Amino acid sequence: MLYTSILLSSYIVITMWRIVYKKKVVIVTFILTLSFIHCVFGLWSPAFSVTISKSEDILLEKVRSNNEGKPDLVIEDIFLWSSNVPNEYLFKYSLQNIGNVPIYSFDLEVYIKIQWLLLGRIPLFSIVSDTQIGNLESLLPGETVNHSFASCDRLPKFGTYRFSLTVNPNKIIDESDYDNNKYSEDWSVFFGQWKQL
């Protein structure tokens, strides 16, 4: 491919040399021809590629350094929990700070959506859509806390449902990564008995 571009460039330059005898025009034509062929055949100068790679590395390093020193909230699990009241079960979620900085005295905001699944697969409509807000004293790096978000008594007794939670939906807390704030699980219920799918 490289040889083809060089031969083609040389041919064009020789042809132009016969037509025009001025050196400046020939040099400009040669440079433009090489640039055109490199673009068409996808050939790039190694030095140019190295420059691009170094620029990308510098940009990635800046992103990494900007994300250092921030918390990162993720929901790890949704589970059923038996409360102190007989026959009362609550749905809870586990929230962890996987960042490297603690959060002190902050308002925890979690958007909760529970959808009925048609044929156990297709979300059709929401039966719960709410934002839960509560104050936490602190959440250290690596620390996990559990919070309840729904009571089984207030949920349907039959069907299949998707529980979707989003922590920090309005990005009030400055995190290192907002892409891992969503979590969902599918559950089925039959005569009030819930089971994770």
N, C-alpha and C. Protein backbone atom coordinates (compact mmCIF):
# COMPACT_ATOMS: atom_id res chain seq x y z
N MET A 1 0.83 -1.21 0.00
CA MET A 1 0.00 0.00 0.00
C MET A 1 0.86 1.26 0.00
N LEU A 2 1.92 1.25 0.82
CA LEU A 2 2.81 2.40 0.89
C LEU A 2 3.55 2.60 -0.43
N TYR A 3 4.01 1.47 -1.03
CA TYR A 3 4.71 1.56 -2.31
C TYR A 3 3.79 2.11 -3.40
N THR A 4 2.53 1.68 -3.38
CA THR A 4 1.57 2.16 -4.37
C THR A 4 1.40 3.67 -4.27
N SER A 5 1.29 4.17 -3.03
CA SER A 5 1.10 5.62 -2.86
C SER A 5 2.33 6.39 -3.31
N ILE A 6 3.53 5.85 -3.04
CA ILE A 6 4.76 6.53 -3.47
C ILE A 6 4.85 6.55 -5.00
N LEU A 7 4.56 5.40 -5.64
CA LEU A 7 4.61 5.35 -7.11
C LEU A 7 3.59 6.29 -7.73
N LEU A 8 2.38 6.29 -7.16
CA LEU A 8 1.34 7.17 -7.70
C LEU A 8 1.72 8.63 -7.52
N SER A 9 2.29 8.98 -6.36
CA SER A 9 2.74 10.35 -6.11
C SER A 9 3.84 10.74 -7.08
N SER A 10 4.78 9.85 -7.28
CA SER A 10 5.89 10.13 -8.21
C SER A 10 5.39 10.34 -9.63
N TYR A 11 4.46 9.52 -10.06
CA TYR A 11 3.89 9.64 -11.41
C TYR A 11 3.22 11.00 -11.60
N ILE A 12 2.44 11.40 -10.58
CA ILE A 12 1.74 12.69 -10.68
C ILE A 12 2.75 13.83 -10.71
N VAL A 13 3.79 13.73 -9.88
CA VAL A 13 4.81 14.79 -9.85
C VAL A 13 5.53 14.90 -11.18
N ILE A 14 5.91 13.76 -11.76
CA ILE A 14 6.61 13.77 -13.06
C ILE A 14 5.72 14.36 -14.14
N THR A 15 4.45 13.98 -14.11
CA THR A 15 3.51 14.53 -15.09
C THR A 15 3.40 16.04 -14.94
N MET A 16 3.29 16.51 -13.68
CA MET A 16 3.19 17.94 -13.44
C MET A 16 4.49 18.65 -13.84
N TRP A 17 5.62 17.98 -13.64
CA TRP A 17 6.92 18.56 -14.00
C TRP A 17 7.01 18.84 -15.49
N ARG A 18 6.42 17.99 -16.27
CA ARG A 18 6.45 18.19 -17.72
C ARG A 18 5.58 19.38 -18.12
N ILE A 19 4.51 19.57 -17.38
CA ILE A 19 3.58 20.65 -17.73
C ILE A 19 4.07 21.99 -17.18
N VAL A 20 4.46 21.99 -15.91
CA VAL A 20 4.86 23.23 -15.25
C VAL A 20 6.32 23.11 -14.84
N TYR A 21 7.14 24.13 -15.12
CA TYR A 21 8.58 24.04 -14.87
C TYR A 21 9.01 24.77 -13.60
N LYS A 22 8.08 25.28 -12.86
CA LYS A 22 8.45 26.02 -11.65
C LYS A 22 8.54 25.05 -10.48
N LYS A 23 9.61 25.16 -9.72
CA LYS A 23 9.86 24.23 -8.62
C LYS A 23 8.81 24.35 -7.50
N LYS A 24 8.38 25.54 -7.22
CA LYS A 24 7.42 25.74 -6.13
C LYS A 24 6.12 24.99 -6.39
N VAL A 25 5.64 25.07 -7.59
CA VAL A 25 4.39 24.40 -7.93
C VAL A 25 4.55 22.88 -7.80
N VAL A 26 5.73 22.37 -8.23
CA VAL A 26 5.98 20.93 -8.16
C VAL A 26 6.02 20.47 -6.70
N ILE A 27 6.69 21.22 -5.84
CA ILE A 27 6.78 20.85 -4.42
C ILE A 27 5.40 20.87 -3.77
N VAL A 28 4.64 21.91 -4.02
CA VAL A 28 3.29 22.01 -3.46
C VAL A 28 2.43 20.86 -3.97
N THR A 29 2.54 20.56 -5.26
CA THR A 29 1.77 19.46 -5.85
C THR A 29 2.15 18.13 -5.21
N PHE A 30 3.45 17.93 -5.01
CA PHE A 30 3.92 16.69 -4.40
C PHE A 30 3.36 16.53 -2.98
N ILE A 31 3.43 17.58 -2.21
CA ILE A 31 2.93 17.52 -0.82
C ILE A 31 1.44 17.28 -0.78
N LEU A 32 0.70 17.99 -1.62
CA LEU A 32 -0.76 17.81 -1.65
C LEU A 32 -1.13 16.41 -2.11
N THR A 33 -0.39 15.88 -3.10
CA THR A 33 -0.66 14.53 -3.60
C THR A 33 -0.42 13.50 -2.50
N LEU A 34 0.69 13.61 -1.79
CA LEU A 34 0.98 12.68 -0.70
C LEU A 34 -0.11 12.74 0.38
N SER A 35 -0.51 13.97 0.73
CA SER A 35 -1.55 14.12 1.74
C SER A 35 -2.86 13.48 1.29
N PHE A 36 -3.22 13.71 0.03
CA PHE A 36 -4.46 13.15 -0.51
C PHE A 36 -4.42 11.63 -0.49
N ILE A 37 -3.31 11.04 -0.95
CA ILE A 37 -3.21 9.57 -1.02
C ILE A 37 -3.20 8.96 0.39
N HIS A 38 -2.54 9.62 1.31
CA HIS A 38 -2.54 9.12 2.68
C HIS A 38 -3.95 9.11 3.26
N CYS A 39 -4.72 10.14 2.96
CA CYS A 39 -6.11 10.18 3.45
C CYS A 39 -6.96 9.10 2.79
N VAL A 40 -6.80 8.93 1.49
CA VAL A 40 -7.61 7.95 0.75
C VAL A 40 -7.29 6.53 1.18
N PHE A 41 -5.99 6.21 1.29
CA PHE A 41 -5.60 4.84 1.63
C PHE A 41 -5.51 4.61 3.13
N GLY A 42 -5.79 5.62 3.93
CA GLY A 42 -5.76 5.44 5.37
C GLY A 42 -4.37 5.32 5.94
N LEU A 43 -3.39 5.88 5.25
CA LEU A 43 -2.01 5.80 5.74
C LEU A 43 -1.72 7.03 6.58
N TRP A 44 -1.10 6.79 7.76
CA TRP A 44 -0.78 7.90 8.65
C TRP A 44 0.70 7.86 8.98
N SER A 45 1.24 9.00 9.19
CA SER A 45 2.64 9.09 9.61
C SER A 45 2.79 8.52 11.01
N PRO A 46 3.82 7.69 11.25
CA PRO A 46 4.02 7.14 12.59
C PRO A 46 4.18 8.23 13.65
N ALA A 47 4.88 9.32 13.31
CA ALA A 47 5.08 10.40 14.27
C ALA A 47 3.75 11.02 14.65
N PHE A 48 2.84 11.16 13.65
CA PHE A 48 1.51 11.72 13.91
C PHE A 48 0.71 10.80 14.84
N SER A 49 0.81 9.49 14.60
CA SER A 49 0.11 8.51 15.44
C SER A 49 0.62 8.56 16.87
N VAL A 50 1.93 8.69 17.03
CA VAL A 50 2.51 8.76 18.38
C VAL A 50 2.02 10.01 19.09
N THR A 51 1.93 11.12 18.36
CA THR A 51 1.43 12.36 18.95
C THR A 51 0.00 12.20 19.42
N ILE A 52 -0.85 11.56 18.60
CA ILE A 52 -2.25 11.33 18.97
C ILE A 52 -2.32 10.45 20.21
N SER A 53 -1.53 9.37 20.24
CA SER A 53 -1.53 8.46 21.39
C SER A 53 -1.13 9.19 22.66
N LYS A 54 -0.08 10.03 22.56
CA LYS A 54 0.36 10.76 23.74
C LYS A 54 -0.72 11.72 24.21
N SER A 55 -1.40 12.38 23.28
CA SER A 55 -2.48 13.30 23.64
C SER A 55 -3.61 12.56 24.34
N GLU A 56 -3.96 11.36 23.83
CA GLU A 56 -5.03 10.57 24.45
C GLU A 56 -4.62 10.13 25.85
N ASP A 57 -3.35 9.74 26.02
CA ASP A 57 -2.86 9.33 27.34
C ASP A 57 -2.93 10.48 28.33
N ILE A 58 -2.55 11.66 27.88
CA ILE A 58 -2.60 12.84 28.76
C ILE A 58 -4.03 13.14 29.16
N LEU A 59 -4.96 13.04 28.19
CA LEU A 59 -6.37 13.29 28.48
C LEU A 59 -6.92 12.28 29.47
N LEU A 60 -6.60 10.98 29.28
CA LEU A 60 -7.06 9.95 30.21
C LEU A 60 -6.48 10.16 31.60
N GLU A 61 -5.24 10.58 31.67
CA GLU A 61 -4.60 10.83 32.96
C GLU A 61 -5.27 11.98 33.69
N LYS A 62 -5.67 13.02 32.93
CA LYS A 62 -6.38 14.15 33.53
C LYS A 62 -7.74 13.70 34.07
N VAL A 63 -8.44 12.85 33.33
CA VAL A 63 -9.74 12.35 33.78
C VAL A 63 -9.57 11.54 35.05
N ARG A 64 -8.52 10.67 35.07
CA ARG A 64 -8.27 9.85 36.26
C ARG A 64 -7.96 10.72 37.47
N SER A 65 -7.12 11.73 37.29
CA SER A 65 -6.74 12.59 38.41
C SER A 65 -7.92 13.40 38.90
N ASN A 66 -8.83 13.80 38.00
CA ASN A 66 -10.03 14.53 38.41
C ASN A 66 -10.97 13.65 39.21
N ASN A 67 -11.00 12.34 38.91
CA ASN A 67 -11.90 11.42 39.60
C ASN A 67 -11.34 10.91 40.91
N GLU A 68 -10.05 11.11 41.14
CA GLU A 68 -9.46 10.68 42.40
C GLU A 68 -9.95 11.60 43.51
N GLY A 69 -10.10 11.02 44.70
CA GLY A 69 -10.51 11.82 45.84
C GLY A 69 -11.99 12.14 45.85
N LYS A 70 -12.81 11.23 45.29
CA LYS A 70 -14.26 11.42 45.31
C LYS A 70 -14.95 10.13 45.76
N PRO A 71 -16.13 10.25 46.35
CA PRO A 71 -16.90 9.05 46.67
C PRO A 71 -17.53 8.47 45.41
N ASP A 72 -18.01 7.23 45.51
CA ASP A 72 -18.69 6.59 44.40
C ASP A 72 -19.76 5.65 44.98
N LEU A 73 -21.01 6.02 44.81
CA LEU A 73 -22.12 5.26 45.40
C LEU A 73 -22.66 4.23 44.41
N VAL A 74 -22.82 3.00 44.88
CA VAL A 74 -23.42 1.94 44.06
C VAL A 74 -24.40 1.14 44.92
N ILE A 75 -25.48 0.69 44.28
CA ILE A 75 -26.41 -0.24 44.93
C ILE A 75 -25.98 -1.64 44.54
N GLU A 76 -25.71 -2.46 45.54
CA GLU A 76 -25.17 -3.80 45.29
C GLU A 76 -26.23 -4.87 45.23
N ASP A 77 -27.35 -4.69 45.96
CA ASP A 77 -28.30 -5.80 46.08
C ASP A 77 -29.65 -5.28 46.52
N ILE A 78 -30.69 -6.03 46.15
CA ILE A 78 -32.04 -5.83 46.66
C ILE A 78 -32.43 -7.15 47.33
N PHE A 79 -32.93 -7.07 48.55
CA PHE A 79 -33.26 -8.31 49.26
C PHE A 79 -34.50 -8.13 50.13
N LEU A 80 -35.08 -9.25 50.51
CA LEU A 80 -36.28 -9.28 51.35
C LEU A 80 -35.83 -9.46 52.80
N TRP A 81 -36.41 -8.67 53.69
CA TRP A 81 -36.00 -8.67 55.09
C TRP A 81 -37.22 -8.78 55.98
N SER A 82 -37.13 -9.62 57.00
CA SER A 82 -38.23 -9.80 57.94
C SER A 82 -38.09 -8.78 59.07
N SER A 83 -39.12 -7.98 59.27
CA SER A 83 -39.08 -6.96 60.32
C SER A 83 -39.44 -7.57 61.67
N ASN A 84 -39.47 -6.72 62.69
CA ASN A 84 -39.82 -7.19 64.04
C ASN A 84 -41.30 -7.53 64.16
N VAL A 85 -42.12 -6.97 63.28
CA VAL A 85 -43.56 -7.24 63.31
C VAL A 85 -43.80 -8.59 62.63
N PRO A 86 -44.55 -9.50 63.25
CA PRO A 86 -44.81 -10.81 62.63
C PRO A 86 -45.48 -10.68 61.26
N ASN A 87 -45.04 -11.52 60.34
CA ASN A 87 -45.58 -11.58 58.98
C ASN A 87 -45.44 -10.26 58.21
N GLU A 88 -44.51 -9.42 58.60
CA GLU A 88 -44.26 -8.20 57.84
C GLU A 88 -42.87 -8.28 57.23
N TYR A 89 -42.82 -8.16 55.91
CA TYR A 89 -41.55 -8.24 55.18
C TYR A 89 -41.31 -6.95 54.42
N LEU A 90 -40.05 -6.53 54.41
CA LEU A 90 -39.67 -5.29 53.75
C LEU A 90 -38.63 -5.57 52.67
N PHE A 91 -38.70 -4.79 51.61
CA PHE A 91 -37.65 -4.82 50.61
C PHE A 91 -36.60 -3.79 50.99
N LYS A 92 -35.33 -4.23 50.95
CA LYS A 92 -34.21 -3.34 51.27
C LYS A 92 -33.19 -3.38 50.15
N TYR A 93 -32.36 -2.36 50.13
CA TYR A 93 -31.23 -2.33 49.19
C TYR A 93 -29.95 -2.11 49.98
N SER A 94 -28.85 -2.63 49.44
CA SER A 94 -27.52 -2.42 50.02
C SER A 94 -26.81 -1.34 49.22
N LEU A 95 -26.36 -0.31 49.92
CA LEU A 95 -25.66 0.81 49.29
C LEU A 95 -24.22 0.83 49.78
N GLN A 96 -23.27 0.92 48.85
CA GLN A 96 -21.87 0.95 49.23
C GLN A 96 -21.16 2.13 48.60
N ASN A 97 -20.20 2.67 49.34
CA ASN A 97 -19.32 3.71 48.81
C ASN A 97 -18.05 3.02 48.34
N ILE A 98 -17.91 2.84 47.03
CA ILE A 98 -16.72 2.17 46.48
C ILE A 98 -15.64 3.19 46.10
N GLY A 99 -15.88 4.45 46.41
CA GLY A 99 -14.87 5.48 46.16
C GLY A 99 -13.79 5.44 47.22
N ASN A 100 -12.87 6.42 47.16
CA ASN A 100 -11.78 6.45 48.12
C ASN A 100 -11.86 7.62 49.09
N VAL A 101 -13.04 8.25 49.18
CA VAL A 101 -13.25 9.38 50.07
C VAL A 101 -14.58 9.19 50.80
N PRO A 102 -14.64 9.45 52.10
CA PRO A 102 -15.91 9.33 52.82
C PRO A 102 -16.86 10.49 52.50
N ILE A 103 -18.13 10.26 52.80
CA ILE A 103 -19.14 11.31 52.68
C ILE A 103 -19.69 11.54 54.09
N TYR A 104 -19.73 12.80 54.51
CA TYR A 104 -20.21 13.12 55.85
C TYR A 104 -21.48 13.96 55.76
N SER A 105 -22.47 13.57 56.55
CA SER A 105 -23.73 14.31 56.69
C SER A 105 -24.28 14.74 55.33
N PHE A 106 -24.84 13.78 54.61
CA PHE A 106 -25.35 14.08 53.28
C PHE A 106 -26.77 13.55 53.13
N ASP A 107 -27.50 14.15 52.23
CA ASP A 107 -28.86 13.71 51.91
C ASP A 107 -28.78 12.62 50.85
N LEU A 108 -29.21 11.43 51.24
CA LEU A 108 -29.21 10.30 50.31
C LEU A 108 -30.53 10.33 49.53
N GLU A 109 -30.41 10.34 48.22
CA GLU A 109 -31.58 10.39 47.34
C GLU A 109 -31.58 9.15 46.45
N VAL A 110 -32.67 8.37 46.49
CA VAL A 110 -32.78 7.16 45.69
C VAL A 110 -34.12 7.17 44.96
N TYR A 111 -34.05 7.06 43.63
CA TYR A 111 -35.27 6.99 42.82
C TYR A 111 -35.68 5.52 42.70
N ILE A 112 -36.94 5.23 43.05
CA ILE A 112 -37.45 3.86 43.09
C ILE A 112 -38.56 3.72 42.05
N LYS A 113 -38.43 2.65 41.23
CA LYS A 113 -39.49 2.36 40.25
C LYS A 113 -39.73 0.85 40.25
N ILE A 114 -40.99 0.47 40.43
CA ILE A 114 -41.37 -0.94 40.38
C ILE A 114 -42.37 -1.09 39.23
N GLN A 115 -42.02 -1.94 38.26
CA GLN A 115 -42.84 -2.11 37.06
C GLN A 115 -43.37 -3.53 36.96
N TRP A 116 -44.62 -3.62 36.51
CA TRP A 116 -45.21 -4.94 36.24
C TRP A 116 -44.67 -5.42 34.89
N LEU A 117 -44.28 -6.70 34.84
CA LEU A 117 -43.69 -7.27 33.63
C LEU A 117 -44.71 -8.14 32.90
N LEU A 118 -44.98 -7.79 31.67
CA LEU A 118 -45.86 -8.60 30.82
C LEU A 118 -45.11 -9.86 30.42
N LEU A 119 -45.74 -11.01 30.62
CA LEU A 119 -45.13 -12.31 30.33
C LEU A 119 -43.82 -12.52 31.09
N GLY A 120 -43.69 -11.81 32.20
CA GLY A 120 -42.50 -11.95 33.03
C GLY A 120 -41.25 -11.34 32.45
N ARG A 121 -41.38 -10.56 31.35
CA ARG A 121 -40.19 -10.02 30.68
C ARG A 121 -40.28 -8.55 30.29
N ILE A 122 -41.46 -8.12 29.83
CA ILE A 122 -41.59 -6.79 29.22
C ILE A 122 -42.20 -5.81 30.23
N PRO A 123 -41.46 -4.74 30.63
CA PRO A 123 -42.03 -3.75 31.55
C PRO A 123 -43.19 -3.02 30.87
N LEU A 124 -44.37 -3.09 31.50
CA LEU A 124 -45.55 -2.50 30.88
C LEU A 124 -45.98 -1.21 31.56
N PHE A 125 -46.13 -1.23 32.89
CA PHE A 125 -46.49 0.00 33.60
C PHE A 125 -45.91 -0.05 35.01
N SER A 126 -45.80 1.13 35.60
CA SER A 126 -45.21 1.25 36.95
C SER A 126 -46.30 1.19 38.00
N ILE A 127 -46.03 0.43 39.04
CA ILE A 127 -46.95 0.41 40.19
C ILE A 127 -46.40 1.29 41.32
N VAL A 128 -45.10 1.56 41.30
CA VAL A 128 -44.46 2.47 42.26
C VAL A 128 -43.46 3.31 41.49
N SER A 129 -43.49 4.62 41.71
CA SER A 129 -42.51 5.53 41.12
C SER A 129 -42.33 6.67 42.12
N ASP A 130 -41.24 6.65 42.85
CA ASP A 130 -41.07 7.57 43.96
C ASP A 130 -39.60 7.85 44.20
N THR A 131 -39.31 8.98 44.81
CA THR A 131 -37.94 9.32 45.21
C THR A 131 -37.88 9.35 46.72
N GLN A 132 -36.99 8.56 47.27
CA GLN A 132 -36.81 8.46 48.72
C GLN A 132 -35.61 9.33 49.12
N ILE A 133 -35.82 10.20 50.09
CA ILE A 133 -34.76 11.08 50.55
C ILE A 133 -34.58 10.90 52.05
N GLY A 134 -33.34 10.74 52.47
CA GLY A 134 -33.04 10.61 53.90
C GLY A 134 -31.62 11.07 54.17
N ASN A 135 -31.36 11.48 55.40
CA ASN A 135 -30.05 12.00 55.77
C ASN A 135 -29.19 10.89 56.36
N LEU A 136 -27.95 10.80 55.89
CA LEU A 136 -26.98 9.86 56.44
C LEU A 136 -25.86 10.65 57.11
N GLU A 137 -25.43 10.15 58.25
CA GLU A 137 -24.35 10.84 58.96
C GLU A 137 -23.03 10.69 58.21
N SER A 138 -22.73 9.47 57.77
CA SER A 138 -21.48 9.27 57.05
C SER A 138 -21.52 7.95 56.29
N LEU A 139 -20.69 7.85 55.29
CA LEU A 139 -20.50 6.61 54.55
C LEU A 139 -19.02 6.57 54.14
N LEU A 140 -18.27 5.74 54.86
CA LEU A 140 -16.83 5.64 54.65
C LEU A 140 -16.51 4.82 53.40
N PRO A 141 -15.31 4.94 52.85
CA PRO A 141 -14.93 4.10 51.71
C PRO A 141 -15.02 2.62 52.05
N GLY A 142 -15.72 1.87 51.20
CA GLY A 142 -15.90 0.44 51.42
C GLY A 142 -17.05 0.10 52.37
N GLU A 143 -17.65 1.08 53.00
CA GLU A 143 -18.74 0.83 53.95
C GLU A 143 -20.06 0.60 53.21
N THR A 144 -20.89 -0.31 53.76
CA THR A 144 -22.19 -0.63 53.18
C THR A 144 -23.29 -0.36 54.20
N VAL A 145 -24.38 0.24 53.74
CA VAL A 145 -25.56 0.44 54.59
C VAL A 145 -26.78 -0.15 53.88
N ASN A 146 -27.75 -0.60 54.67
CA ASN A 146 -28.99 -1.16 54.14
C ASN A 146 -30.16 -0.25 54.49
N HIS A 147 -31.03 -0.04 53.52
CA HIS A 147 -32.22 0.79 53.74
C HIS A 147 -33.44 0.11 53.14
N SER A 148 -34.56 0.22 53.85
CA SER A 148 -35.81 -0.33 53.32
C SER A 148 -36.45 0.68 52.38
N PHE A 149 -37.15 0.17 51.36
CA PHE A 149 -37.80 1.08 50.40
C PHE A 149 -39.22 0.67 50.05
N ALA A 150 -39.65 -0.53 50.45
CA ALA A 150 -41.03 -0.94 50.14
C ALA A 150 -41.45 -2.04 51.11
N SER A 151 -42.74 -2.00 51.48
CA SER A 151 -43.31 -3.04 52.33
C SER A 151 -44.11 -4.01 51.47
N CYS A 152 -43.97 -5.30 51.74
CA CYS A 152 -44.70 -6.30 50.95
C CYS A 152 -46.21 -6.16 51.10
N ASP A 153 -46.66 -5.64 52.25
CA ASP A 153 -48.10 -5.46 52.47
C ASP A 153 -48.71 -4.48 51.49
N ARG A 154 -47.92 -3.56 50.99
CA ARG A 154 -48.43 -2.53 50.08
C ARG A 154 -48.17 -2.87 48.62
N LEU A 155 -47.63 -4.04 48.36
CA LEU A 155 -47.35 -4.46 46.99
C LEU A 155 -48.34 -5.53 46.56
N PRO A 156 -48.47 -5.77 45.26
CA PRO A 156 -49.41 -6.79 44.77
C PRO A 156 -49.07 -8.19 45.30
N LYS A 157 -50.05 -9.08 45.21
CA LYS A 157 -49.88 -10.45 45.72
C LYS A 157 -49.57 -11.44 44.60
N PHE A 158 -49.73 -11.00 43.34
CA PHE A 158 -49.46 -11.88 42.20
C PHE A 158 -48.71 -11.10 41.12
N GLY A 159 -47.91 -11.83 40.35
CA GLY A 159 -47.28 -11.21 39.18
C GLY A 159 -45.76 -11.23 39.23
N THR A 160 -45.20 -10.64 38.21
CA THR A 160 -43.75 -10.51 38.08
C THR A 160 -43.42 -9.03 37.93
N TYR A 161 -42.40 -8.59 38.66
CA TYR A 161 -42.11 -7.16 38.74
C TYR A 161 -40.61 -6.90 38.65
N ARG A 162 -40.28 -5.72 38.12
CA ARG A 162 -38.88 -5.26 38.06
C ARG A 162 -38.70 -4.12 39.04
N PHE A 163 -37.75 -4.31 39.95
CA PHE A 163 -37.39 -3.28 40.91
C PHE A 163 -36.16 -2.54 40.36
N SER A 164 -36.31 -1.25 40.07
CA SER A 164 -35.20 -0.44 39.54
C SER A 164 -34.92 0.70 40.51
N LEU A 165 -33.67 0.80 40.93
CA LEU A 165 -33.26 1.85 41.85
C LEU A 165 -32.12 2.66 41.24
N THR A 166 -32.16 3.96 41.46
CA THR A 166 -31.09 4.85 41.02
C THR A 166 -30.67 5.72 42.20
N VAL A 167 -29.43 5.56 42.64
CA VAL A 167 -28.92 6.38 43.74
C VAL A 167 -28.35 7.67 43.17
N ASN A 168 -28.57 8.75 43.93
CA ASN A 168 -28.08 10.08 43.53
C ASN A 168 -28.53 10.44 42.11
N PRO A 169 -29.84 10.35 41.81
CA PRO A 169 -30.30 10.56 40.43
C PRO A 169 -30.09 11.98 39.91
N ASN A 170 -30.09 12.96 40.80
CA ASN A 170 -29.91 14.36 40.37
C ASN A 170 -28.47 14.83 40.48
N LYS A 171 -27.56 13.89 40.79
CA LYS A 171 -26.12 14.18 40.87
C LYS A 171 -25.81 15.30 41.85
N ILE A 172 -26.52 15.29 42.99
CA ILE A 172 -26.26 16.28 44.03
C ILE A 172 -24.91 15.99 44.69
N ILE A 173 -24.62 14.71 44.90
CA ILE A 173 -23.33 14.30 45.46
C ILE A 173 -22.32 14.21 44.32
N ASP A 174 -21.18 14.82 44.50
CA ASP A 174 -20.13 14.80 43.49
C ASP A 174 -19.41 13.45 43.55
N GLU A 175 -19.66 12.60 42.55
CA GLU A 175 -19.08 11.25 42.52
C GLU A 175 -18.03 11.12 41.42
N SER A 176 -17.21 10.09 41.56
CA SER A 176 -16.20 9.83 40.53
C SER A 176 -16.80 9.14 39.31
N ASP A 177 -17.95 8.44 39.50
CA ASP A 177 -18.57 7.72 38.38
C ASP A 177 -20.08 7.69 38.57
N TYR A 178 -20.80 8.29 37.63
CA TYR A 178 -22.27 8.29 37.70
C TYR A 178 -22.88 7.15 36.89
N ASP A 179 -22.07 6.44 36.12
CA ASP A 179 -22.60 5.38 35.25
C ASP A 179 -23.00 4.13 36.02
N ASN A 180 -22.56 3.98 37.27
CA ASN A 180 -22.88 2.77 38.03
C ASN A 180 -23.94 3.02 39.12
N ASN A 181 -24.75 4.06 38.94
CA ASN A 181 -25.73 4.42 39.96
C ASN A 181 -27.07 3.69 39.82
N LYS A 182 -27.25 2.96 38.71
CA LYS A 182 -28.53 2.26 38.49
C LYS A 182 -28.39 0.78 38.80
N TYR A 183 -29.47 0.21 39.36
CA TYR A 183 -29.47 -1.22 39.67
C TYR A 183 -30.91 -1.73 39.56
N SER A 184 -31.07 -2.95 39.04
CA SER A 184 -32.43 -3.51 38.92
C SER A 184 -32.40 -5.02 39.13
N GLU A 185 -33.51 -5.54 39.63
CA GLU A 185 -33.72 -6.98 39.81
C GLU A 185 -35.17 -7.31 39.49
N ASP A 186 -35.40 -8.52 39.02
CA ASP A 186 -36.76 -9.00 38.74
C ASP A 186 -37.19 -9.95 39.85
N TRP A 187 -38.44 -9.77 40.30
CA TRP A 187 -39.01 -10.60 41.37
C TRP A 187 -40.39 -11.06 40.94
N SER A 188 -40.79 -12.22 41.43
CA SER A 188 -42.16 -12.71 41.19
C SER A 188 -42.83 -12.93 42.53
N VAL A 189 -44.14 -12.82 42.54
CA VAL A 189 -44.91 -13.02 43.78
C VAL A 189 -46.12 -13.90 43.47
N PHE A 190 -46.40 -14.85 44.37
CA PHE A 190 -47.56 -15.74 44.23
C PHE A 190 -48.15 -15.93 45.62
N PHE A 191 -49.41 -15.46 45.78
CA PHE A 191 -50.07 -15.45 47.08
C PHE A 191 -49.23 -14.76 48.16
N GLY A 192 -48.60 -13.65 47.77
CA GLY A 192 -47.83 -12.86 48.72
C GLY A 192 -46.44 -13.37 49.02
N GLN A 193 -46.05 -14.47 48.40
CA GLN A 193 -44.72 -15.03 48.62
C GLN A 193 -43.77 -14.56 47.50
N TRP A 194 -42.80 -13.75 47.87
CA TRP A 194 -41.89 -13.14 46.89
C TRP A 194 -40.67 -14.01 46.67
N LYS A 195 -40.23 -14.05 45.40
CA LYS A 195 -39.05 -14.83 45.04
C LYS A 195 -38.26 -14.07 43.97
N GLN A 196 -36.96 -14.01 44.15
CA GLN A 196 -36.10 -13.33 43.18
C GLN A 196 -35.90 -14.23 41.95
N LEU A 197 -35.99 -13.63 40.77
CA LEU A 197 -35.80 -14.40 39.52
C LEU A 197 -34.35 -14.43 39.10
